[in-house]
Amino acid sequence: MARKYELRQRAEQAADTRRRIVETVVGMHQTVGPAATTISEVARRVGVQRQTVYNHFPEEQELFAACSAHWRALHPAPDPAAWADLRGGLGELFAWYRETEPMTANVLRDAAVLPALRAVLEPGLDAYLADVRGVLARPFGRSRRVAAAVAVATDFHVWRSLKELGAGEAVELMAGLVESAARSPRRGSSARPAR
């Protein structure tokens, strides 16, 4: 009986250490970014040896995946399947961007130099945004112009450049862009550009 208790206690301690590592890394990613987060500093903050961090996360991608799952649980993305219209969807997406801005900015910046992070983003945030774009473009039919406008309207960096306008005005501007793309004549139509 004592042996089972010891094993259970060790498992609980290991789970607690793993949780503290993930929470520490998530905090550092939000403040300094993934590229500036070092295992030495994580270990120091958690109060363990570097090897303990590596024992829990032998591969960098495993650590990024665990942190991503933890972050998503705390900050769930809005469900595009529930969106009734373009403006409502953009409003929810922009509110989520506002809530997650420091982390999203750091992660997107550092993904360019961290292949393991890029590998976690592709099936995560990238796939989510592809779904968002599909949902928002669907009512306008299949159009490359609309798809391009929706891609611009939902881009995190574009949102950051518009956030000073305020939520409502940013939504209206981006919705107007998409609606304009849907109305504009396509190349090869009989409409001629103004001179």
C-alpha atoms as a PDB file:
ATOM      1  CA  MET A   1       0.000   0.000   0.000  1.00  0.00           C
ATOM      2  CA  ALA A   2       2.863   2.401   0.871  1.00  0.00           C
ATOM      3  CA  ARG A   3       4.441   1.767  -2.553  1.00  0.00           C
ATOM      4  CA  LYS A   4       1.226   2.738  -4.370  1.00  0.00           C
ATOM      5  CA  TYR A   5       0.986   5.895  -2.275  1.00  0.00           C
ATOM      6  CA  GLU A   6       4.602   6.792  -3.145  1.00  0.00           C
ATOM      7  CA  LEU A   7       4.018   6.238  -6.845  1.00  0.00           C
ATOM      8  CA  ARG A   8       0.852   8.333  -6.780  1.00  0.00           C
ATOM      9  CA  GLN A   9       2.654  11.102  -4.889  1.00  0.00           C
ATOM     10  CA  ARG A  10       5.514  11.093  -7.421  1.00  0.00           C
ATOM     11  CA  ALA A  11       3.064  11.230 -10.303  1.00  0.00           C
ATOM     12  CA  GLU A  12       1.267  14.179  -8.694  1.00  0.00           C
ATOM     13  CA  GLN A  13       4.571  15.983  -8.127  1.00  0.00           C
ATOM     14  CA  ALA A  14       5.611  15.358 -11.735  1.00  0.00           C
ATOM     15  CA  ALA A  15       2.253  16.664 -12.998  1.00  0.00           C
ATOM     16  CA  ASP A  16       2.597  19.744 -10.782  1.00  0.00           C
ATOM     17  CA  THR A  17       6.128  20.402 -12.051  1.00  0.00           C
ATOM     18  CA  ARG A  18       4.976  20.007 -15.650  1.00  0.00           C
ATOM     19  CA  ARG A  19       2.083  22.430 -15.044  1.00  0.00           C
ATOM     20  CA  ARG A  20       4.402  25.003 -13.452  1.00  0.00           C
ATOM     21  CA  ILE A  21       6.825  24.720 -16.379  1.00  0.00           C
ATOM     22  CA  VAL A  22       4.018  25.290 -18.886  1.00  0.00           C
ATOM     23  CA  GLU A  23       2.562  28.221 -16.953  1.00  0.00           C
ATOM     24  CA  THR A  24       6.000  29.813 -16.620  1.00  0.00           C
ATOM     25  CA  VAL A  25       6.774  29.400 -20.309  1.00  0.00           C
ATOM     26  CA  VAL A  26       3.358  30.806 -21.290  1.00  0.00           C
ATOM     27  CA  GLY A  27       3.986  33.845 -19.091  1.00  0.00           C
ATOM     28  CA  MET A  28       7.393  34.396 -20.644  1.00  0.00           C
ATOM     29  CA  HIS A  29       6.055  33.963 -24.165  1.00  0.00           C
ATOM     30  CA  GLN A  30       3.499  36.664 -23.470  1.00  0.00           C
ATOM     31  CA  THR A  31       6.035  39.107 -22.032  1.00  0.00           C
ATOM     32  CA  VAL A  32       9.319  38.506 -23.873  1.00  0.00           C
ATOM     33  CA  GLY A  33       8.270  36.118 -26.635  1.00  0.00           C
ATOM     34  CA  PRO A  34       9.181  32.524 -27.474  1.00  0.00           C
ATOM     35  CA  ALA A  35      12.530  33.403 -29.059  1.00  0.00           C
ATOM     36  CA  ALA A  36      13.747  35.149 -25.892  1.00  0.00           C
ATOM     37  CA  THR A  37      12.473  32.442 -23.526  1.00  0.00           C
ATOM     38  CA  THR A  38      15.393  30.304 -22.350  1.00  0.00           C
ATOM     39  CA  ILE A  39      15.238  26.945 -20.638  1.00  0.00           C
ATOM     40  CA  SER A  40      17.704  28.228 -18.041  1.00  0.00           C
ATOM     41  CA  GLU A  41      15.383  31.069 -17.071  1.00  0.00           C
ATOM     42  CA  VAL A  42      12.334  28.786 -17.069  1.00  0.00           C
ATOM     43  CA  ALA A  43      14.124  26.348 -14.760  1.00  0.00           C
ATOM     44  CA  ARG A  44      15.218  29.191 -12.469  1.00  0.00           C
ATOM     45  CA  ARG A  45      11.682  30.564 -12.198  1.00  0.00           C
ATOM     46  CA  VAL A  46      10.145  27.137 -11.601  1.00  0.00           C
ATOM     47  CA  GLY A  47      12.863  26.214  -9.089  1.00  0.00           C
ATOM     48  CA  VAL A  48      14.128  23.111 -10.904  1.00  0.00           C
ATOM     49  CA  GLN A  49      17.208  22.067 -12.839  1.00  0.00           C
ATOM     50  CA  ARG A  50      17.358  22.588 -16.617  1.00  0.00           C
ATOM     51  CA  GLN A  51      17.406  18.820 -17.050  1.00  0.00           C
ATOM     52  CA  THR A  52      14.022  18.603 -15.311  1.00  0.00           C
ATOM     53  CA  VAL A  53      12.527  20.853 -17.988  1.00  0.00           C
ATOM     54  CA  TYR A  54      14.105  18.681 -20.695  1.00  0.00           C
ATOM     55  CA  ASN A  55      12.840  15.527 -18.976  1.00  0.00           C
ATOM     56  CA  HIS A  56       9.272  16.832 -19.245  1.00  0.00           C
ATOM     57  CA  PHE A  57       9.731  18.323 -22.727  1.00  0.00           C
ATOM     58  CA  PRO A  58      12.571  16.636 -24.627  1.00  0.00           C
ATOM     59  CA  GLU A  59      11.604  18.401 -27.875  1.00  0.00           C
ATOM     60  CA  GLU A  60      10.995  22.127 -28.276  1.00  0.00           C
ATOM     61  CA  GLN A  61       7.871  21.438 -30.326  1.00  0.00           C
ATOM     62  CA  GLU A  62       6.368  19.431 -27.437  1.00  0.00           C
ATOM     63  CA  LEU A  63       6.826  22.400 -25.135  1.00  0.00           C
ATOM     64  CA  PHE A  64       5.269  24.792 -27.669  1.00  0.00           C
ATOM     65  CA  ALA A  65       2.330  22.425 -28.180  1.00  0.00           C
ATOM     66  CA  ALA A  66       1.711  22.127 -24.417  1.00  0.00           C
ATOM     67  CA  CYS A  67       1.886  25.904 -24.025  1.00  0.00           C
ATOM     68  CA  SER A  68      -0.435  26.448 -26.974  1.00  0.00           C
ATOM     69  CA  ALA A  69      -3.008  24.029 -25.544  1.00  0.00           C
ATOM     70  CA  HIS A  70      -2.798  25.742 -22.147  1.00  0.00           C
ATOM     71  CA  TRP A  71      -3.182  29.197 -23.707  1.00  0.00           C
ATOM     72  CA  ARG A  72      -6.125  28.142 -25.897  1.00  0.00           C
ATOM     73  CA  ALA A  73      -7.902  26.710 -22.854  1.00  0.00           C
ATOM     74  CA  LEU A  74      -7.569  30.068 -21.089  1.00  0.00           C
ATOM     75  CA  HIS A  75      -8.401  32.164 -24.166  1.00  0.00           C
ATOM     76  CA  PRO A  76     -10.729  30.175 -26.423  1.00  0.00           C
ATOM     77  CA  ALA A  77     -11.151  31.553 -29.916  1.00  0.00           C
ATOM     78  CA  PRO A  78     -14.650  32.536 -30.997  1.00  0.00           C
ATOM     79  CA  ASP A  79     -16.554  29.872 -32.910  1.00  0.00           C
ATOM     80  CA  PRO A  80     -17.009  30.999 -36.528  1.00  0.00           C
ATOM     81  CA  ALA A  81     -19.797  28.448 -37.049  1.00  0.00           C
ATOM     82  CA  ALA A  82     -21.932  30.524 -34.672  1.00  0.00           C
ATOM     83  CA  TRP A  83     -21.488  33.796 -36.583  1.00  0.00           C
ATOM     84  CA  ALA A  84     -24.641  35.173 -38.165  1.00  0.00           C
ATOM     85  CA  ASP A  85     -22.995  37.786 -40.382  1.00  0.00           C
ATOM     86  CA  LEU A  86     -19.764  39.423 -41.497  1.00  0.00           C
ATOM     87  CA  ARG A  87     -19.816  42.280 -38.999  1.00  0.00           C
ATOM     88  CA  GLY A  88     -20.637  40.036 -36.056  1.00  0.00           C
ATOM     89  CA  GLY A  89     -17.830  37.665 -36.997  1.00  0.00           C
ATOM     90  CA  LEU A  90     -15.290  40.434 -37.448  1.00  0.00           C
ATOM     91  CA  GLY A  91     -16.395  41.979 -34.152  1.00  0.00           C
ATOM     92  CA  GLU A  92     -15.828  38.718 -32.266  1.00  0.00           C
ATOM     93  CA  LEU A  93     -12.511  38.071 -34.001  1.00  0.00           C
ATOM     94  CA  PHE A  94     -11.266  41.593 -33.270  1.00  0.00           C
ATOM     95  CA  ALA A  95     -12.348  41.306 -29.610  1.00  0.00           C
ATOM     96  CA  TRP A  96     -10.336  38.070 -29.349  1.00  0.00           C
ATOM     97  CA  TYR A  97      -7.344  39.748 -31.008  1.00  0.00           C
ATOM     98  CA  ARG A  98      -7.612  42.546 -28.433  1.00  0.00           C
ATOM     99  CA  GLU A  99      -7.724  40.023 -25.569  1.00  0.00           C
ATOM    100  CA  THR A 100      -4.749  38.033 -26.850  1.00  0.00           C
ATOM    101  CA  GLU A 101      -2.696  40.782 -28.503  1.00  0.00           C
ATOM    102  CA  PRO A 102       0.602  40.573 -26.569  1.00  0.00           C
ATOM    103  CA  MET A 103       0.841  36.796 -26.929  1.00  0.00           C
ATOM    104  CA  THR A 104      -0.339  36.700 -30.548  1.00  0.00           C
ATOM    105  CA  ALA A 105       2.083  39.450 -31.576  1.00  0.00           C
ATOM    106  CA  ASN A 106       5.049  37.717 -29.924  1.00  0.00           C
ATOM    107  CA  VAL A 107       4.185  34.291 -31.301  1.00  0.00           C
ATOM    108  CA  LEU A 108       3.630  35.508 -34.867  1.00  0.00           C
ATOM    109  CA  ARG A 109       6.868  37.510 -34.753  1.00  0.00           C
ATOM    110  CA  ASP A 110       8.958  34.624 -33.416  1.00  0.00           C
ATOM    111  CA  ALA A 111       7.426  31.917 -35.612  1.00  0.00           C
ATOM    112  CA  ALA A 112       9.533  33.310 -38.448  1.00  0.00           C
ATOM    113  CA  VAL A 113      12.721  32.218 -36.645  1.00  0.00           C
ATOM    114  CA  LEU A 114      11.505  29.152 -34.707  1.00  0.00           C
ATOM    115  CA  PRO A 115      10.536  26.237 -36.983  1.00  0.00           C
ATOM    116  CA  ALA A 116       9.175  24.238 -34.021  1.00  0.00           C
ATOM    117  CA  LEU A 117       6.803  27.088 -33.202  1.00  0.00           C
ATOM    118  CA  ARG A 118       5.775  27.409 -36.858  1.00  0.00           C
ATOM    119  CA  ALA A 119       4.959  23.669 -36.825  1.00  0.00           C
ATOM    120  CA  VAL A 120       2.563  24.228 -33.895  1.00  0.00           C
ATOM    121  CA  LEU A 121       0.950  27.312 -35.454  1.00  0.00           C
ATOM    122  CA  GLU A 122       0.101  25.643 -38.760  1.00  0.00           C
ATOM    123  CA  PRO A 123      -2.489  23.181 -37.376  1.00  0.00           C
ATOM    124  CA  GLY A 124      -3.471  25.673 -34.649  1.00  0.00           C
ATOM    125  CA  LEU A 125      -3.880  29.392 -35.324  1.00  0.00           C
ATOM    126  CA  ASP A 126      -3.281  29.133 -39.077  1.00  0.00           C
ATOM    127  CA  ALA A 127      -5.937  26.433 -39.484  1.00  0.00           C
ATOM    128  CA  TYR A 128      -8.367  28.375 -37.291  1.00  0.00           C
ATOM    129  CA  LEU A 129      -7.925  31.541 -39.371  1.00  0.00           C
ATOM    130  CA  ALA A 130      -8.383  29.566 -42.593  1.00  0.00           C
ATOM    131  CA  ASP A 131     -11.712  28.344 -41.183  1.00  0.00           C
ATOM    132  CA  VAL A 132     -12.652  31.899 -40.167  1.00  0.00           C
ATOM    133  CA  ARG A 133     -11.888  33.174 -43.653  1.00  0.00           C
ATOM    134  CA  GLY A 134     -13.931  30.434 -45.264  1.00  0.00           C
ATOM    135  CA  VAL A 135     -16.946  31.171 -43.062  1.00  0.00           C
ATOM    136  CA  LEU A 136     -16.774  34.925 -43.662  1.00  0.00           C
ATOM    137  CA  ALA A 137     -16.299  34.618 -47.432  1.00  0.00           C
ATOM    138  CA  ARG A 138     -18.953  31.919 -47.995  1.00  0.00           C
ATOM    139  CA  PRO A 139     -22.005  34.228 -48.239  1.00  0.00           C
ATOM    140  CA  PHE A 140     -20.337  36.131 -51.072  1.00  0.00           C
ATOM    141  CA  GLY A 141     -19.730  33.090 -53.286  1.00  0.00           C
ATOM    142  CA  ARG A 142     -16.475  31.919 -54.755  1.00  0.00           C
ATOM    143  CA  SER A 143     -14.440  34.943 -55.641  1.00  0.00           C
ATOM    144  CA  ARG A 144     -10.719  35.484 -55.425  1.00  0.00           C
ATOM    145  CA  ARG A 145     -11.355  39.180 -54.800  1.00  0.00           C
ATOM    146  CA  VAL A 146     -13.574  38.416 -51.832  1.00  0.00           C
ATOM    147  CA  ALA A 147     -11.128  35.801 -50.524  1.00  0.00           C
ATOM    148  CA  ALA A 148      -8.301  38.360 -50.741  1.00  0.00           C
ATOM    149  CA  ALA A 149     -10.394  41.037 -49.009  1.00  0.00           C
ATOM    150  CA  VAL A 150     -11.404  38.620 -46.223  1.00  0.00           C
ATOM    151  CA  ALA A 151      -7.745  37.635 -45.773  1.00  0.00           C
ATOM    152  CA  VAL A 152      -6.837  41.295 -45.307  1.00  0.00           C
ATOM    153  CA  ALA A 153      -9.839  41.946 -43.032  1.00  0.00           C
ATOM    154  CA  THR A 154      -8.947  39.066 -40.711  1.00  0.00           C
ATOM    155  CA  ASP A 155      -5.181  39.569 -40.620  1.00  0.00           C
ATOM    156  CA  PHE A 156      -3.885  40.197 -37.096  1.00  0.00           C
ATOM    157  CA  HIS A 157      -1.334  42.794 -38.232  1.00  0.00           C
ATOM    158  CA  VAL A 158      -3.969  44.697 -40.207  1.00  0.00           C
ATOM    159  CA  TRP A 159      -6.205  44.677 -37.122  1.00  0.00           C
ATOM    160  CA  ARG A 160      -3.328  46.110 -35.067  1.00  0.00           C
ATOM    161  CA  SER A 161      -2.948  48.967 -37.539  1.00  0.00           C
ATOM    162  CA  LEU A 162      -6.691  49.720 -37.246  1.00  0.00           C
ATOM    163  CA  LYS A 163      -7.272  49.225 -33.520  1.00  0.00           C
ATOM    164  CA  GLU A 164      -6.856  52.940 -32.753  1.00  0.00           C
ATOM    165  CA  LEU A 165     -10.025  53.551 -34.779  1.00  0.00           C
ATOM    166  CA  GLY A 166     -12.020  51.694 -32.162  1.00  0.00           C
ATOM    167  CA  ALA A 167     -13.756  48.355 -32.468  1.00  0.00           C
ATOM    168  CA  GLY A 168     -16.858  49.523 -34.334  1.00  0.00           C
ATOM    169  CA  GLU A 169     -15.046  51.619 -36.907  1.00  0.00           C
ATOM    170  CA  ALA A 170     -12.445  48.911 -37.589  1.00  0.00           C
ATOM    171  CA  VAL A 171     -15.241  46.374 -38.160  1.00  0.00           C
ATOM    172  CA  GLU A 172     -17.097  48.763 -40.488  1.00  0.00           C
ATOM    173  CA  LEU A 173     -13.961  49.529 -42.492  1.00  0.00           C
ATOM    174  CA  MET A 174     -13.059  45.876 -42.985  1.00  0.00           C
ATOM    175  CA  ALA A 175     -16.659  44.805 -43.671  1.00  0.00           C
ATOM    176  CA  GLY A 176     -16.845  47.598 -46.245  1.00  0.00           C
ATOM    177  CA  LEU A 177     -13.681  46.286 -47.904  1.00  0.00           C
ATOM    178  CA  VAL A 178     -15.155  42.783 -48.207  1.00  0.00           C
ATOM    179  CA  GLU A 179     -18.514  44.069 -49.470  1.00  0.00           C
ATOM    180  CA  SER A 180     -16.777  46.318 -51.984  1.00  0.00           C
ATOM    181  CA  ALA A 181     -14.748  43.354 -53.260  1.00  0.00           C
ATOM    182  CA  ALA A 182     -17.988  41.402 -53.681  1.00  0.00           C
ATOM    183  CA  ARG A 183     -19.620  44.244 -55.668  1.00  0.00           C
ATOM    184  CA  SER A 184     -16.654  45.237 -57.836  1.00  0.00           C
ATOM    185  CA  PRO A 185     -16.544  44.012 -61.408  1.00  0.00           C
ATOM    186  CA  ARG A 186     -14.125  41.232 -62.161  1.00  0.00           C
ATOM    187  CA  ARG A 187     -11.335  41.474 -64.678  1.00  0.00           C
ATOM    188  CA  GLY A 188     -12.596  40.842 -68.153  1.00  0.00           C
ATOM    189  CA  SER A 189     -16.041  42.288 -67.466  1.00  0.00           C
ATOM    190  CA  SER A 190     -17.525  45.013 -69.624  1.00  0.00           C
ATOM    191  CA  ALA A 191     -16.874  47.679 -66.986  1.00  0.00           C
ATOM    192  CA  ARG A 192     -13.945  49.940 -67.795  1.00  0.00           C
ATOM    193  CA  PRO A 193     -11.761  51.674 -65.241  1.00  0.00           C
ATOM    194  CA  ALA A 194     -12.164  55.437 -64.932  1.00  0.00           C
ATOM    195  CA  ARG A 195      -9.426  57.520 -66.486  1.00  0.00           C
END
